[in-house]
Amino acid sequence: MIIRNRKIIRGFLLTMMLCVGASSMALAVEPGDKAPGFELPGQQGNVTLAEAAGSVVYVDFWASWCGPCRQSFPWMNQLQEKYRASGLKIIAVNVDAKSEDAKKFLAQNPAGFTVAFDPKGVTPSSYGVKGMPTSFLVGRDGKVIFRHLGFNAADKDKIENDIKAALEASK
């Protein structure tokens, strides 16, 4: 009887783990999905995705402790400057629990783009973010074009080409 109960319990636990795993995958925002809206405090007031409607938006989730984030900021500054007139808006969402950590990071790594703060992690959760940095390209129609985890020099050209294609496709 005990062996039979263990098999039932193991089967139940395995089923539950599979369900939890499947449901967490379902929460991840995929290309083609409508990008979840958000309203967050920013450096110059509230930041909303809705305010960027009609633009191609590069949404980047970052944290002060993230090494690759330090490398991505200068590159995002260049992208914002280069493609601003074509309709690119970059929104970098910080997920640090302490705003002092984010402010210290920004003092060392200035942002020439919009920065928002989400210390409770609600927005990255709604996007299904699993690591830092994670970025999403949102088209002018509000749908996600791509999701990218991490940042390294080898990714820059591909991401920039995808941004250029999105800007040109939606003129």
N, C-alpha and C. Protein backbone atom coordinates (compact mmCIF):
# COMPACT_ATOMS: atom_id res chain seq x y z
N MET A 1 0.81 -1.19 0.00
CA MET A 1 0.00 0.00 0.00
C MET A 1 0.86 1.26 0.00
N ILE A 2 1.93 1.26 0.80
CA ILE A 2 2.80 2.43 0.86
C ILE A 2 3.48 2.66 -0.49
N ILE A 3 3.94 1.60 -1.15
CA ILE A 3 4.60 1.74 -2.45
C ILE A 3 3.62 2.31 -3.46
N ARG A 4 2.40 1.84 -3.46
CA ARG A 4 1.39 2.34 -4.38
C ARG A 4 1.13 3.83 -4.13
N ASN A 5 1.03 4.23 -2.89
CA ASN A 5 0.82 5.63 -2.55
C ASN A 5 1.98 6.49 -3.01
N ARG A 6 3.21 5.98 -2.89
CA ARG A 6 4.38 6.74 -3.34
C ARG A 6 4.32 6.96 -4.85
N LYS A 7 3.90 5.92 -5.59
CA LYS A 7 3.78 6.06 -7.04
C LYS A 7 2.73 7.10 -7.39
N ILE A 8 1.64 7.09 -6.67
CA ILE A 8 0.58 8.08 -6.92
C ILE A 8 1.09 9.48 -6.61
N ILE A 9 1.78 9.63 -5.48
CA ILE A 9 2.32 10.94 -5.09
C ILE A 9 3.36 11.41 -6.11
N ARG A 10 4.27 10.52 -6.53
CA ARG A 10 5.27 10.90 -7.54
C ARG A 10 4.59 11.33 -8.83
N GLY A 11 3.59 10.58 -9.25
CA GLY A 11 2.86 10.92 -10.48
C GLY A 11 2.19 12.28 -10.35
N PHE A 12 1.59 12.53 -9.20
CA PHE A 12 0.94 13.81 -8.95
C PHE A 12 1.96 14.95 -8.99
N LEU A 13 3.09 14.75 -8.30
CA LEU A 13 4.12 15.80 -8.27
C LEU A 13 4.68 16.06 -9.65
N LEU A 14 4.93 15.02 -10.43
CA LEU A 14 5.44 15.19 -11.79
C LEU A 14 4.44 15.97 -12.63
N THR A 15 3.18 15.63 -12.52
CA THR A 15 2.13 16.33 -13.26
C THR A 15 2.09 17.81 -12.86
N MET A 16 2.19 18.08 -11.58
CA MET A 16 2.17 19.47 -11.11
C MET A 16 3.37 20.26 -11.63
N MET A 17 4.56 19.63 -11.61
CA MET A 17 5.76 20.31 -12.11
C MET A 17 5.61 20.62 -13.59
N LEU A 18 5.08 19.70 -14.35
CA LEU A 18 4.87 19.94 -15.77
C LEU A 18 3.88 21.07 -16.00
N CYS A 19 2.83 21.10 -15.22
CA CYS A 19 1.83 22.16 -15.35
C CYS A 19 2.42 23.52 -15.00
N VAL A 20 3.18 23.58 -13.92
CA VAL A 20 3.81 24.84 -13.52
C VAL A 20 4.80 25.28 -14.60
N GLY A 21 5.59 24.36 -15.10
CA GLY A 21 6.54 24.69 -16.16
C GLY A 21 5.84 25.19 -17.40
N ALA A 22 4.79 24.55 -17.81
CA ALA A 22 4.04 24.97 -18.99
C ALA A 22 3.38 26.33 -18.78
N SER A 23 2.85 26.57 -17.57
CA SER A 23 2.20 27.84 -17.33
C SER A 23 3.21 28.98 -17.27
N SER A 24 4.42 28.74 -16.76
CA SER A 24 5.42 29.81 -16.74
C SER A 24 5.91 30.11 -18.14
N MET A 25 5.96 29.09 -19.01
CA MET A 25 6.34 29.34 -20.40
C MET A 25 5.24 30.13 -21.10
N ALA A 26 4.00 29.88 -20.75
CA ALA A 26 2.89 30.57 -21.38
C ALA A 26 2.90 32.06 -21.02
N LEU A 27 3.49 32.41 -19.90
CA LEU A 27 3.53 33.80 -19.47
C LEU A 27 4.58 34.61 -20.22
N ALA A 28 5.54 33.97 -20.86
CA ALA A 28 6.58 34.69 -21.58
C ALA A 28 5.97 35.35 -22.81
N VAL A 29 6.31 36.62 -23.02
CA VAL A 29 5.84 37.34 -24.19
C VAL A 29 6.66 36.87 -25.39
N GLU A 30 5.97 36.49 -26.44
CA GLU A 30 6.61 35.96 -27.64
C GLU A 30 6.42 36.92 -28.81
N PRO A 31 7.27 36.82 -29.83
CA PRO A 31 7.06 37.62 -31.04
C PRO A 31 5.64 37.41 -31.59
N GLY A 32 5.01 38.52 -31.96
CA GLY A 32 3.64 38.48 -32.44
C GLY A 32 2.61 38.81 -31.37
N ASP A 33 3.01 38.67 -30.09
CA ASP A 33 2.11 39.02 -28.98
C ASP A 33 2.03 40.54 -28.82
N LYS A 34 0.91 41.00 -28.33
CA LYS A 34 0.78 42.41 -27.96
C LYS A 34 1.68 42.65 -26.75
N ALA A 35 2.49 43.69 -26.80
CA ALA A 35 3.38 44.01 -25.69
C ALA A 35 2.55 44.49 -24.49
N PRO A 36 2.78 43.94 -23.31
CA PRO A 36 2.04 44.40 -22.13
C PRO A 36 2.32 45.88 -21.85
N GLY A 37 1.28 46.61 -21.59
CA GLY A 37 1.44 48.02 -21.26
C GLY A 37 1.98 48.18 -19.85
N PHE A 38 2.52 49.35 -19.58
CA PHE A 38 3.02 49.64 -18.24
C PHE A 38 3.02 51.14 -18.00
N GLU A 39 2.96 51.51 -16.74
CA GLU A 39 3.13 52.88 -16.29
C GLU A 39 4.03 52.84 -15.08
N LEU A 40 5.20 53.45 -15.21
CA LEU A 40 6.22 53.39 -14.16
C LEU A 40 6.79 54.78 -13.91
N PRO A 41 7.31 55.01 -12.70
CA PRO A 41 8.01 56.27 -12.47
C PRO A 41 9.31 56.28 -13.26
N GLY A 42 9.68 57.45 -13.75
CA GLY A 42 10.92 57.60 -14.51
C GLY A 42 11.73 58.76 -14.01
N GLN A 43 12.83 59.02 -14.69
CA GLN A 43 13.70 60.13 -14.30
C GLN A 43 13.02 61.49 -14.49
N GLN A 44 12.16 61.58 -15.51
CA GLN A 44 11.46 62.84 -15.79
C GLN A 44 9.94 62.67 -15.70
N GLY A 45 9.47 61.91 -14.75
CA GLY A 45 8.04 61.70 -14.61
C GLY A 45 7.63 60.30 -15.02
N ASN A 46 6.32 60.07 -15.11
CA ASN A 46 5.83 58.74 -15.43
C ASN A 46 6.19 58.33 -16.86
N VAL A 47 6.45 57.05 -17.02
CA VAL A 47 6.80 56.47 -18.32
C VAL A 47 5.75 55.41 -18.62
N THR A 48 5.15 55.52 -19.80
CA THR A 48 4.19 54.50 -20.22
C THR A 48 4.56 54.01 -21.62
N LEU A 49 4.24 52.77 -21.87
CA LEU A 49 4.43 52.24 -23.22
C LEU A 49 3.45 52.90 -24.17
N ALA A 50 2.27 53.24 -23.68
CA ALA A 50 1.24 53.87 -24.52
C ALA A 50 1.73 55.20 -25.11
N GLU A 51 2.55 55.94 -24.35
CA GLU A 51 3.07 57.22 -24.85
C GLU A 51 3.96 57.03 -26.07
N ALA A 52 4.51 55.84 -26.24
CA ALA A 52 5.39 55.56 -27.37
C ALA A 52 4.63 54.96 -28.55
N ALA A 53 3.31 54.90 -28.46
CA ALA A 53 2.50 54.32 -29.54
C ALA A 53 2.83 55.01 -30.86
N GLY A 54 2.96 54.21 -31.91
CA GLY A 54 3.33 54.74 -33.22
C GLY A 54 4.82 54.75 -33.47
N SER A 55 5.60 54.46 -32.44
CA SER A 55 7.05 54.37 -32.57
C SER A 55 7.48 52.92 -32.52
N VAL A 56 8.69 52.65 -32.97
CA VAL A 56 9.32 51.36 -32.74
C VAL A 56 10.01 51.51 -31.39
N VAL A 57 9.72 50.60 -30.45
CA VAL A 57 10.22 50.75 -29.08
C VAL A 57 11.11 49.58 -28.72
N TYR A 58 12.29 49.91 -28.24
CA TYR A 58 13.23 48.91 -27.73
C TYR A 58 13.10 48.98 -26.21
N VAL A 59 12.46 47.97 -25.61
CA VAL A 59 12.27 47.91 -24.16
C VAL A 59 13.35 47.02 -23.59
N ASP A 60 14.18 47.59 -22.73
CA ASP A 60 15.32 46.87 -22.16
C ASP A 60 15.17 46.79 -20.65
N PHE A 61 15.18 45.57 -20.12
CA PHE A 61 15.13 45.37 -18.67
C PHE A 61 16.56 45.20 -18.16
N TRP A 62 16.93 45.97 -17.12
CA TRP A 62 18.30 45.97 -16.64
C TRP A 62 18.35 46.13 -15.13
N ALA A 63 19.53 45.85 -14.58
CA ALA A 63 19.76 46.00 -13.14
C ALA A 63 21.18 46.52 -12.93
N SER A 64 21.39 47.19 -11.82
CA SER A 64 22.70 47.80 -11.54
C SER A 64 23.81 46.76 -11.37
N TRP A 65 23.46 45.56 -10.93
CA TRP A 65 24.45 44.51 -10.68
C TRP A 65 24.78 43.72 -11.95
N CYS A 66 24.16 44.05 -13.05
CA CYS A 66 24.30 43.30 -14.30
C CYS A 66 25.49 43.81 -15.11
N GLY A 67 26.52 42.97 -15.24
CA GLY A 67 27.72 43.35 -16.00
C GLY A 67 27.43 43.69 -17.46
N PRO A 68 26.71 42.83 -18.19
CA PRO A 68 26.41 43.15 -19.59
C PRO A 68 25.60 44.44 -19.76
N CYS A 69 24.84 44.82 -18.74
CA CYS A 69 24.06 46.07 -18.82
C CYS A 69 25.00 47.27 -18.94
N ARG A 70 26.14 47.21 -18.26
CA ARG A 70 27.12 48.30 -18.35
C ARG A 70 27.61 48.45 -19.78
N GLN A 71 27.75 47.33 -20.49
CA GLN A 71 28.21 47.36 -21.88
C GLN A 71 27.10 47.82 -22.82
N SER A 72 25.86 47.53 -22.48
CA SER A 72 24.76 47.85 -23.40
C SER A 72 24.36 49.32 -23.38
N PHE A 73 24.59 50.03 -22.28
CA PHE A 73 24.14 51.41 -22.20
C PHE A 73 24.79 52.32 -23.23
N PRO A 74 26.12 52.31 -23.41
CA PRO A 74 26.70 53.16 -24.45
C PRO A 74 26.15 52.83 -25.84
N TRP A 75 25.95 51.55 -26.10
CA TRP A 75 25.41 51.12 -27.39
C TRP A 75 23.98 51.61 -27.57
N MET A 76 23.15 51.50 -26.51
CA MET A 76 21.77 51.99 -26.61
C MET A 76 21.75 53.51 -26.80
N ASN A 77 22.69 54.22 -26.18
CA ASN A 77 22.79 55.67 -26.41
C ASN A 77 23.04 55.96 -27.89
N GLN A 78 23.95 55.19 -28.49
CA GLN A 78 24.26 55.37 -29.92
C GLN A 78 23.04 55.07 -30.78
N LEU A 79 22.35 53.98 -30.47
CA LEU A 79 21.14 53.62 -31.23
C LEU A 79 20.08 54.71 -31.14
N GLN A 80 19.84 55.19 -29.92
CA GLN A 80 18.82 56.22 -29.74
C GLN A 80 19.15 57.46 -30.55
N GLU A 81 20.39 57.87 -30.51
CA GLU A 81 20.82 59.06 -31.26
C GLU A 81 20.68 58.83 -32.76
N LYS A 82 21.12 57.69 -33.23
CA LYS A 82 21.15 57.37 -34.65
C LYS A 82 19.75 57.22 -35.26
N TYR A 83 18.80 56.63 -34.52
CA TYR A 83 17.50 56.30 -35.08
C TYR A 83 16.32 57.07 -34.48
N ARG A 84 16.60 58.03 -33.62
CA ARG A 84 15.52 58.82 -33.00
C ARG A 84 14.62 59.45 -34.06
N ALA A 85 15.23 60.09 -35.05
CA ALA A 85 14.46 60.78 -36.09
C ALA A 85 13.63 59.81 -36.93
N SER A 86 14.03 58.56 -36.97
CA SER A 86 13.28 57.55 -37.73
C SER A 86 12.13 56.94 -36.93
N GLY A 87 12.06 57.27 -35.64
CA GLY A 87 10.95 56.80 -34.82
C GLY A 87 11.29 55.76 -33.78
N LEU A 88 12.59 55.59 -33.45
CA LEU A 88 12.96 54.64 -32.40
C LEU A 88 12.91 55.33 -31.04
N LYS A 89 12.30 54.62 -30.10
CA LYS A 89 12.31 55.06 -28.70
C LYS A 89 12.84 53.91 -27.86
N ILE A 90 13.80 54.21 -27.02
CA ILE A 90 14.34 53.20 -26.11
C ILE A 90 13.83 53.50 -24.72
N ILE A 91 13.27 52.48 -24.09
CA ILE A 91 12.82 52.58 -22.70
C ILE A 91 13.55 51.50 -21.93
N ALA A 92 14.39 51.91 -20.99
CA ALA A 92 15.15 50.98 -20.16
C ALA A 92 14.48 50.90 -18.79
N VAL A 93 14.02 49.71 -18.44
CA VAL A 93 13.29 49.51 -17.19
C VAL A 93 14.22 48.88 -16.16
N ASN A 94 14.50 49.63 -15.10
CA ASN A 94 15.36 49.15 -14.03
C ASN A 94 14.56 48.33 -13.04
N VAL A 95 15.16 47.22 -12.57
CA VAL A 95 14.46 46.32 -11.66
C VAL A 95 15.09 46.25 -10.26
N ASP A 96 16.02 47.14 -9.96
CA ASP A 96 16.64 47.15 -8.64
C ASP A 96 15.62 47.46 -7.55
N ALA A 97 15.72 46.76 -6.44
CA ALA A 97 14.82 47.01 -5.31
C ALA A 97 15.13 48.36 -4.65
N LYS A 98 16.40 48.78 -4.70
CA LYS A 98 16.82 50.05 -4.10
C LYS A 98 17.12 51.06 -5.19
N SER A 99 16.42 52.18 -5.18
CA SER A 99 16.63 53.20 -6.21
C SER A 99 18.04 53.80 -6.15
N GLU A 100 18.66 53.76 -4.97
CA GLU A 100 20.03 54.28 -4.85
C GLU A 100 21.00 53.49 -5.75
N ASP A 101 20.79 52.18 -5.85
CA ASP A 101 21.65 51.35 -6.70
C ASP A 101 21.51 51.76 -8.16
N ALA A 102 20.30 51.99 -8.59
CA ALA A 102 20.05 52.41 -9.98
C ALA A 102 20.65 53.79 -10.24
N LYS A 103 20.49 54.70 -9.28
CA LYS A 103 21.02 56.06 -9.46
C LYS A 103 22.54 56.06 -9.54
N LYS A 104 23.17 55.22 -8.73
CA LYS A 104 24.62 55.10 -8.77
C LYS A 104 25.08 54.57 -10.14
N PHE A 105 24.40 53.55 -10.64
CA PHE A 105 24.69 52.99 -11.96
C PHE A 105 24.56 54.07 -13.03
N LEU A 106 23.45 54.83 -12.98
CA LEU A 106 23.20 55.85 -14.00
C LEU A 106 24.19 57.01 -13.92
N ALA A 107 24.72 57.28 -12.74
CA ALA A 107 25.75 58.32 -12.62
C ALA A 107 27.02 57.89 -13.35
N GLN A 108 27.30 56.60 -13.35
CA GLN A 108 28.48 56.06 -14.03
C GLN A 108 28.21 55.71 -15.49
N ASN A 109 26.95 55.45 -15.82
CA ASN A 109 26.54 55.03 -17.17
C ASN A 109 25.33 55.86 -17.59
N PRO A 110 25.56 57.11 -18.00
CA PRO A 110 24.43 57.98 -18.33
C PRO A 110 23.57 57.41 -19.46
N ALA A 111 22.28 57.69 -19.39
CA ALA A 111 21.34 57.21 -20.40
C ALA A 111 20.80 58.38 -21.22
N GLY A 112 20.97 58.30 -22.53
CA GLY A 112 20.41 59.30 -23.44
C GLY A 112 19.07 58.83 -23.97
N PHE A 113 18.37 58.05 -23.19
CA PHE A 113 17.07 57.49 -23.56
C PHE A 113 16.22 57.45 -22.29
N THR A 114 15.00 57.03 -22.41
CA THR A 114 14.07 57.02 -21.29
C THR A 114 14.39 55.89 -20.32
N VAL A 115 14.44 56.23 -19.03
CA VAL A 115 14.67 55.24 -17.99
C VAL A 115 13.46 55.23 -17.04
N ALA A 116 12.97 54.03 -16.77
CA ALA A 116 11.86 53.84 -15.84
C ALA A 116 12.31 52.91 -14.72
N PHE A 117 11.60 52.95 -13.60
CA PHE A 117 11.98 52.15 -12.43
C PHE A 117 10.83 51.26 -11.99
N ASP A 118 11.13 49.98 -11.81
CA ASP A 118 10.13 49.01 -11.36
C ASP A 118 10.72 48.15 -10.25
N PRO A 119 10.87 48.72 -9.04
CA PRO A 119 11.51 47.99 -7.95
C PRO A 119 10.74 46.76 -7.48
N LYS A 120 9.46 46.68 -7.79
CA LYS A 120 8.67 45.51 -7.39
C LYS A 120 8.70 44.41 -8.45
N GLY A 121 9.22 44.71 -9.63
CA GLY A 121 9.37 43.69 -10.67
C GLY A 121 8.09 43.26 -11.35
N VAL A 122 7.07 44.11 -11.31
CA VAL A 122 5.79 43.76 -11.93
C VAL A 122 5.92 43.70 -13.45
N THR A 123 6.57 44.68 -14.05
CA THR A 123 6.66 44.73 -15.51
C THR A 123 7.51 43.60 -16.08
N PRO A 124 8.71 43.34 -15.55
CA PRO A 124 9.45 42.19 -16.09
C PRO A 124 8.70 40.88 -15.93
N SER A 125 7.93 40.77 -14.87
CA SER A 125 7.13 39.57 -14.67
C SER A 125 6.06 39.45 -15.77
N SER A 126 5.44 40.56 -16.12
CA SER A 126 4.40 40.53 -17.15
C SER A 126 4.97 40.20 -18.53
N TYR A 127 6.26 40.48 -18.72
CA TYR A 127 6.94 40.15 -19.98
C TYR A 127 7.58 38.76 -19.95
N GLY A 128 7.63 38.14 -18.78
CA GLY A 128 8.25 36.83 -18.67
C GLY A 128 9.76 36.88 -18.69
N VAL A 129 10.34 37.96 -18.18
CA VAL A 129 11.79 38.13 -18.16
C VAL A 129 12.42 37.13 -17.21
N LYS A 130 13.46 36.46 -17.68
CA LYS A 130 14.15 35.43 -16.89
C LYS A 130 15.57 35.82 -16.49
N GLY A 131 16.14 36.84 -17.11
CA GLY A 131 17.51 37.24 -16.79
C GLY A 131 17.79 38.65 -17.28
N MET A 132 18.92 39.18 -16.85
CA MET A 132 19.30 40.55 -17.19
C MET A 132 20.52 40.57 -18.10
N PRO A 133 20.57 41.45 -19.05
CA PRO A 133 19.44 42.21 -19.56
C PRO A 133 18.58 41.35 -20.48
N THR A 134 17.34 41.72 -20.60
CA THR A 134 16.44 41.13 -21.59
C THR A 134 15.78 42.29 -22.31
N SER A 135 15.73 42.20 -23.62
CA SER A 135 15.14 43.28 -24.40
C SER A 135 14.06 42.75 -25.32
N PHE A 136 13.13 43.65 -25.65
CA PHE A 136 12.02 43.36 -26.55
C PHE A 136 11.94 44.49 -27.55
N LEU A 137 11.78 44.15 -28.81
CA LEU A 137 11.53 45.17 -29.83
C LEU A 137 10.03 45.14 -30.11
N VAL A 138 9.39 46.30 -29.95
CA VAL A 138 7.95 46.43 -30.14
C VAL A 138 7.72 47.29 -31.37
N GLY A 139 6.95 46.77 -32.29
CA GLY A 139 6.65 47.50 -33.52
C GLY A 139 5.67 48.63 -33.30
N ARG A 140 5.49 49.42 -34.34
CA ARG A 140 4.57 50.56 -34.26
C ARG A 140 3.14 50.10 -33.97
N ASP A 141 2.84 48.84 -34.28
CA ASP A 141 1.51 48.29 -34.03
C ASP A 141 1.33 47.78 -32.61
N GLY A 142 2.39 47.88 -31.79
CA GLY A 142 2.32 47.45 -30.39
C GLY A 142 2.60 45.97 -30.19
N LYS A 143 2.98 45.27 -31.25
CA LYS A 143 3.27 43.85 -31.14
C LYS A 143 4.78 43.62 -31.04
N VAL A 144 5.14 42.59 -30.27
CA VAL A 144 6.55 42.25 -30.07
C VAL A 144 7.12 41.66 -31.36
N ILE A 145 8.26 42.20 -31.78
CA ILE A 145 8.95 41.70 -32.97
C ILE A 145 9.98 40.66 -32.57
N PHE A 146 10.74 40.95 -31.51
CA PHE A 146 11.68 39.95 -31.00
C PHE A 146 11.91 40.14 -29.52
N ARG A 147 12.43 39.06 -28.92
CA ARG A 147 12.87 39.07 -27.52
C ARG A 147 14.32 38.61 -27.54
N HIS A 148 15.16 39.28 -26.75
CA HIS A 148 16.58 38.92 -26.73
C HIS A 148 17.07 38.88 -25.29
N LEU A 149 17.71 37.79 -24.92
CA LEU A 149 18.26 37.63 -23.57
C LEU A 149 19.77 37.85 -23.62
N GLY A 150 20.28 38.68 -22.71
CA GLY A 150 21.71 38.93 -22.61
C GLY A 150 22.16 40.06 -23.52
N PHE A 151 23.46 40.32 -23.48
CA PHE A 151 24.04 41.32 -24.37
C PHE A 151 25.52 41.01 -24.53
N ASN A 152 25.95 40.96 -25.77
CA ASN A 152 27.38 40.89 -26.06
C ASN A 152 27.63 41.52 -27.42
N ALA A 153 28.87 41.83 -27.70
CA ALA A 153 29.23 42.56 -28.92
C ALA A 153 28.76 41.83 -30.18
N ALA A 154 28.75 40.51 -30.15
CA ALA A 154 28.35 39.74 -31.32
C ALA A 154 26.87 39.94 -31.67
N ASP A 155 26.06 40.36 -30.70
CA ASP A 155 24.62 40.54 -30.93
C ASP A 155 24.27 41.90 -31.53
N LYS A 156 25.16 42.87 -31.39
CA LYS A 156 24.82 44.25 -31.74
C LYS A 156 24.37 44.42 -33.19
N ASP A 157 25.09 43.84 -34.13
CA ASP A 157 24.74 44.03 -35.54
C ASP A 157 23.37 43.44 -35.87
N LYS A 158 23.10 42.24 -35.37
CA LYS A 158 21.81 41.59 -35.65
C LYS A 158 20.67 42.42 -35.06
N ILE A 159 20.83 42.86 -33.82
CA ILE A 159 19.77 43.64 -33.19
C ILE A 159 19.55 44.95 -33.95
N GLU A 160 20.64 45.62 -34.30
CA GLU A 160 20.51 46.88 -35.04
C GLU A 160 19.85 46.65 -36.39
N ASN A 161 20.19 45.57 -37.08
CA ASN A 161 19.56 45.27 -38.36
C ASN A 161 18.06 45.02 -38.19
N ASP A 162 17.69 44.34 -37.11
CA ASP A 162 16.26 44.10 -36.84
C ASP A 162 15.54 45.42 -36.54
N ILE A 163 16.20 46.32 -35.82
CA ILE A 163 15.62 47.63 -35.53
C ILE A 163 15.44 48.42 -36.83
N LYS A 164 16.47 48.44 -37.67
CA LYS A 164 16.37 49.14 -38.96
C LYS A 164 15.23 48.58 -39.80
N ALA A 165 15.11 47.26 -39.86
CA ALA A 165 14.05 46.63 -40.64
C ALA A 165 12.67 47.03 -40.11
N ALA A 166 12.52 47.07 -38.78
CA ALA A 166 11.24 47.47 -38.18
C ALA A 166 10.93 48.93 -38.49
N LEU A 167 11.93 49.77 -38.44
CA LEU A 167 11.71 51.20 -38.75
C LEU A 167 11.33 51.39 -40.22
N GLU A 168 11.99 50.67 -41.10
CA GLU A 168 11.70 50.80 -42.54
C GLU A 168 10.37 50.17 -42.90
N ALA A 169 10.02 49.05 -42.30
CA ALA A 169 8.78 48.35 -42.62
C ALA A 169 7.56 49.13 -42.20
N SER A 170 7.70 49.96 -41.24
CA SER A 170 6.51 50.63 -40.70
C SER A 170 6.47 52.10 -41.05
N LYS A 171 7.12 52.50 -42.14
CA LYS A 171 7.07 53.92 -42.55
C LYS A 171 5.75 54.25 -43.16
